[in-house]
Amino acid sequence: MKIILVLSIILLTAGCASLTGGRDNWIGASEQEVIKSYGEPSKRMSDGKDGAILMYRNRFADYSLYDRERDPGEGLPADRMEMRLFYLDPNGKVYSVDDITK
């Protein structure tokens, strides 16, 4: 039972890591491959060149900007957003990937 639990954790961690990195690995991938890995995009829009942009957003609290010594009990973590944009050519193939953090 413990072996199954450990293997499950390893597989889940490996899957999550592959979603956050490797922007260049997505060049040439199909739209279906992106959606299979990331799910439905948060937004889909035109790239202005007969292609499309798939936007994936993730909101999170950034505690690295919170300094308890300078602001004990009063400060709140910063609300941050990560976005990954997949640019698709007219054939539905990825030609560029951008990561944006706000």
C-alpha atoms as a PDB file:
ATOM      1  CA  MET A   1       0.000   0.000   0.000  1.00  0.00           C
ATOM      2  CA  LYS A   2       2.813   2.402   0.878  1.00  0.00           C
ATOM      3  CA  ILE A   3       4.501   1.711  -2.468  1.00  0.00           C
ATOM      4  CA  ILE A   4       1.337   2.676  -4.364  1.00  0.00           C
ATOM      5  CA  LEU A   5       1.054   5.899  -2.350  1.00  0.00           C
ATOM      6  CA  VAL A   6       4.707   6.826  -2.998  1.00  0.00           C
ATOM      7  CA  LEU A   7       4.427   6.057  -6.726  1.00  0.00           C
ATOM      8  CA  SER A   8       1.230   8.116  -6.962  1.00  0.00           C
ATOM      9  CA  ILE A   9       2.907  11.109  -5.332  1.00  0.00           C
ATOM     10  CA  ILE A  10       5.917  10.834  -7.649  1.00  0.00           C
ATOM     11  CA  LEU A  11       3.731  10.637 -10.751  1.00  0.00           C
ATOM     12  CA  LEU A  12       1.556  13.573  -9.666  1.00  0.00           C
ATOM     13  CA  THR A  13       4.608  15.697  -8.862  1.00  0.00           C
ATOM     14  CA  ALA A  14       6.239  14.879 -12.191  1.00  0.00           C
ATOM     15  CA  GLY A  15       3.046  15.792 -14.036  1.00  0.00           C
ATOM     16  CA  CYS A  16       2.742  19.139 -12.263  1.00  0.00           C
ATOM     17  CA  ALA A  17       6.366  20.040 -12.889  1.00  0.00           C
ATOM     18  CA  SER A  18       5.989  19.485 -16.621  1.00  0.00           C
ATOM     19  CA  LEU A  19       3.122  21.981 -16.765  1.00  0.00           C
ATOM     20  CA  THR A  20       5.089  24.883 -15.293  1.00  0.00           C
ATOM     21  CA  GLY A  21       8.313  24.669 -17.260  1.00  0.00           C
ATOM     22  CA  GLY A  22       9.648  23.799 -20.664  1.00  0.00           C
ATOM     23  CA  ARG A  23       8.169  26.584 -22.756  1.00  0.00           C
ATOM     24  CA  ASP A  24      10.316  25.630 -25.749  1.00  0.00           C
ATOM     25  CA  ASN A  25       9.080  22.032 -25.559  1.00  0.00           C
ATOM     26  CA  TRP A  26       5.641  23.242 -26.658  1.00  0.00           C
ATOM     27  CA  ILE A  27       6.799  24.749 -29.964  1.00  0.00           C
ATOM     28  CA  GLY A  28       5.198  22.696 -32.755  1.00  0.00           C
ATOM     29  CA  ALA A  29       2.652  21.039 -30.459  1.00  0.00           C
ATOM     30  CA  SER A  30      -0.983  20.963 -31.548  1.00  0.00           C
ATOM     31  CA  GLU A  31      -3.814  22.840 -29.885  1.00  0.00           C
ATOM     32  CA  GLN A  32      -5.260  19.486 -28.827  1.00  0.00           C
ATOM     33  CA  GLU A  33      -2.002  18.568 -27.046  1.00  0.00           C
ATOM     34  CA  VAL A  34      -2.035  21.847 -25.118  1.00  0.00           C
ATOM     35  CA  ILE A  35      -5.678  21.403 -24.088  1.00  0.00           C
ATOM     36  CA  LYS A  36      -5.039  17.776 -23.127  1.00  0.00           C
ATOM     37  CA  SER A  37      -2.300  18.906 -20.707  1.00  0.00           C
ATOM     38  CA  TYR A  38      -3.733  22.193 -19.436  1.00  0.00           C
ATOM     39  CA  GLY A  39      -7.479  21.766 -19.884  1.00  0.00           C
ATOM     40  CA  GLU A  40      -9.748  24.352 -21.461  1.00  0.00           C
ATOM     41  CA  PRO A  41      -8.104  27.796 -21.631  1.00  0.00           C
ATOM     42  CA  SER A  42      -9.268  30.681 -19.454  1.00  0.00           C
ATOM     43  CA  LYS A  43      -9.594  32.730 -22.630  1.00  0.00           C
ATOM     44  CA  ARG A  44      -9.139  32.287 -26.378  1.00  0.00           C
ATOM     45  CA  MET A  45      -8.442  35.247 -28.648  1.00  0.00           C
ATOM     46  CA  SER A  46      -7.052  36.120 -32.078  1.00  0.00           C
ATOM     47  CA  ASP A  47      -3.312  36.602 -32.558  1.00  0.00           C
ATOM     48  CA  GLY A  48      -4.005  39.084 -35.378  1.00  0.00           C
ATOM     49  CA  LYS A  49      -2.345  36.774 -37.948  1.00  0.00           C
ATOM     50  CA  ASP A  50      -5.155  34.269 -38.632  1.00  0.00           C
ATOM     51  CA  GLY A  51      -4.055  32.240 -35.608  1.00  0.00           C
ATOM     52  CA  ALA A  52      -5.150  32.155 -31.986  1.00  0.00           C
ATOM     53  CA  ILE A  53      -3.864  32.701 -28.465  1.00  0.00           C
ATOM     54  CA  LEU A  54      -4.802  30.330 -25.653  1.00  0.00           C
ATOM     55  CA  MET A  55      -4.554  32.016 -22.242  1.00  0.00           C
ATOM     56  CA  TYR A  56      -4.225  30.089 -18.988  1.00  0.00           C
ATOM     57  CA  ARG A  57      -4.465  32.043 -15.714  1.00  0.00           C
ATOM     58  CA  ASN A  58      -3.599  31.121 -12.136  1.00  0.00           C
ATOM     59  CA  ARG A  59      -4.205  33.443  -9.160  1.00  0.00           C
ATOM     60  CA  PHE A  60      -2.245  32.946  -5.960  1.00  0.00           C
ATOM     61  CA  ALA A  61      -1.195  34.702  -2.772  1.00  0.00           C
ATOM     62  CA  ASP A  62       2.485  35.692  -2.805  1.00  0.00           C
ATOM     63  CA  TYR A  63       3.777  35.513   0.752  1.00  0.00           C
ATOM     64  CA  SER A  64       7.323  36.419  -0.321  1.00  0.00           C
ATOM     65  CA  LEU A  65       6.266  40.084  -0.361  1.00  0.00           C
ATOM     66  CA  TYR A  66       4.904  39.912   3.186  1.00  0.00           C
ATOM     67  CA  ASP A  67       7.391  41.028   5.860  1.00  0.00           C
ATOM     68  CA  ARG A  68       6.090  40.139   9.344  1.00  0.00           C
ATOM     69  CA  GLU A  69       8.944  41.894  11.143  1.00  0.00           C
ATOM     70  CA  ARG A  70       8.201  45.259   9.523  1.00  0.00           C
ATOM     71  CA  ASP A  71       4.430  44.860   9.527  1.00  0.00           C
ATOM     72  CA  PRO A  72       3.447  42.361  12.261  1.00  0.00           C
ATOM     73  CA  GLY A  73      -0.115  41.154  11.960  1.00  0.00           C
ATOM     74  CA  GLU A  74      -1.190  43.933   9.610  1.00  0.00           C
ATOM     75  CA  GLY A  75       0.157  43.008   6.206  1.00  0.00           C
ATOM     76  CA  LEU A  76      -1.520  40.741   3.735  1.00  0.00           C
ATOM     77  CA  PRO A  77       0.153  38.679   1.040  1.00  0.00           C
ATOM     78  CA  ALA A  78       0.162  40.178  -2.422  1.00  0.00           C
ATOM     79  CA  ASP A  79      -2.472  38.899  -4.825  1.00  0.00           C
ATOM     80  CA  ARG A  80      -0.534  37.677  -7.863  1.00  0.00           C
ATOM     81  CA  MET A  81      -1.470  36.210 -11.213  1.00  0.00           C
ATOM     82  CA  GLU A  82       0.502  33.931 -13.509  1.00  0.00           C
ATOM     83  CA  MET A  83      -0.474  33.625 -17.130  1.00  0.00           C
ATOM     84  CA  ARG A  84       0.771  31.306 -19.830  1.00  0.00           C
ATOM     85  CA  LEU A  85      -0.025  32.260 -23.414  1.00  0.00           C
ATOM     86  CA  PHE A  86       0.185  29.738 -26.263  1.00  0.00           C
ATOM     87  CA  TYR A  87       0.309  31.352 -29.718  1.00  0.00           C
ATOM     88  CA  LEU A  88      -1.145  29.112 -32.426  1.00  0.00           C
ATOM     89  CA  ASP A  89      -0.596  29.451 -36.156  1.00  0.00           C
ATOM     90  CA  PRO A  90      -3.528  29.058 -38.618  1.00  0.00           C
ATOM     91  CA  ASN A  91      -2.898  25.274 -38.620  1.00  0.00           C
ATOM     92  CA  GLY A  92      -3.355  25.065 -34.834  1.00  0.00           C
ATOM     93  CA  LYS A  93       0.349  24.515 -34.047  1.00  0.00           C
ATOM     94  CA  VAL A  94       2.156  26.375 -31.241  1.00  0.00           C
ATOM     95  CA  TYR A  95       4.691  28.890 -32.600  1.00  0.00           C
ATOM     96  CA  SER A  96       5.406  30.797 -29.370  1.00  0.00           C
ATOM     97  CA  VAL A  97       4.814  30.578 -25.599  1.00  0.00           C
ATOM     98  CA  ASP A  98       4.931  33.471 -23.100  1.00  0.00           C
ATOM     99  CA  ASP A  99       4.809  33.387 -19.309  1.00  0.00           C
ATOM    100  CA  ILE A 100       3.639  36.533 -17.518  1.00  0.00           C
ATOM    101  CA  THR A 101       3.480  37.162 -13.761  1.00  0.00           C
ATOM    102  CA  LYS A 102       1.663  40.203 -12.412  1.00  0.00           C
END
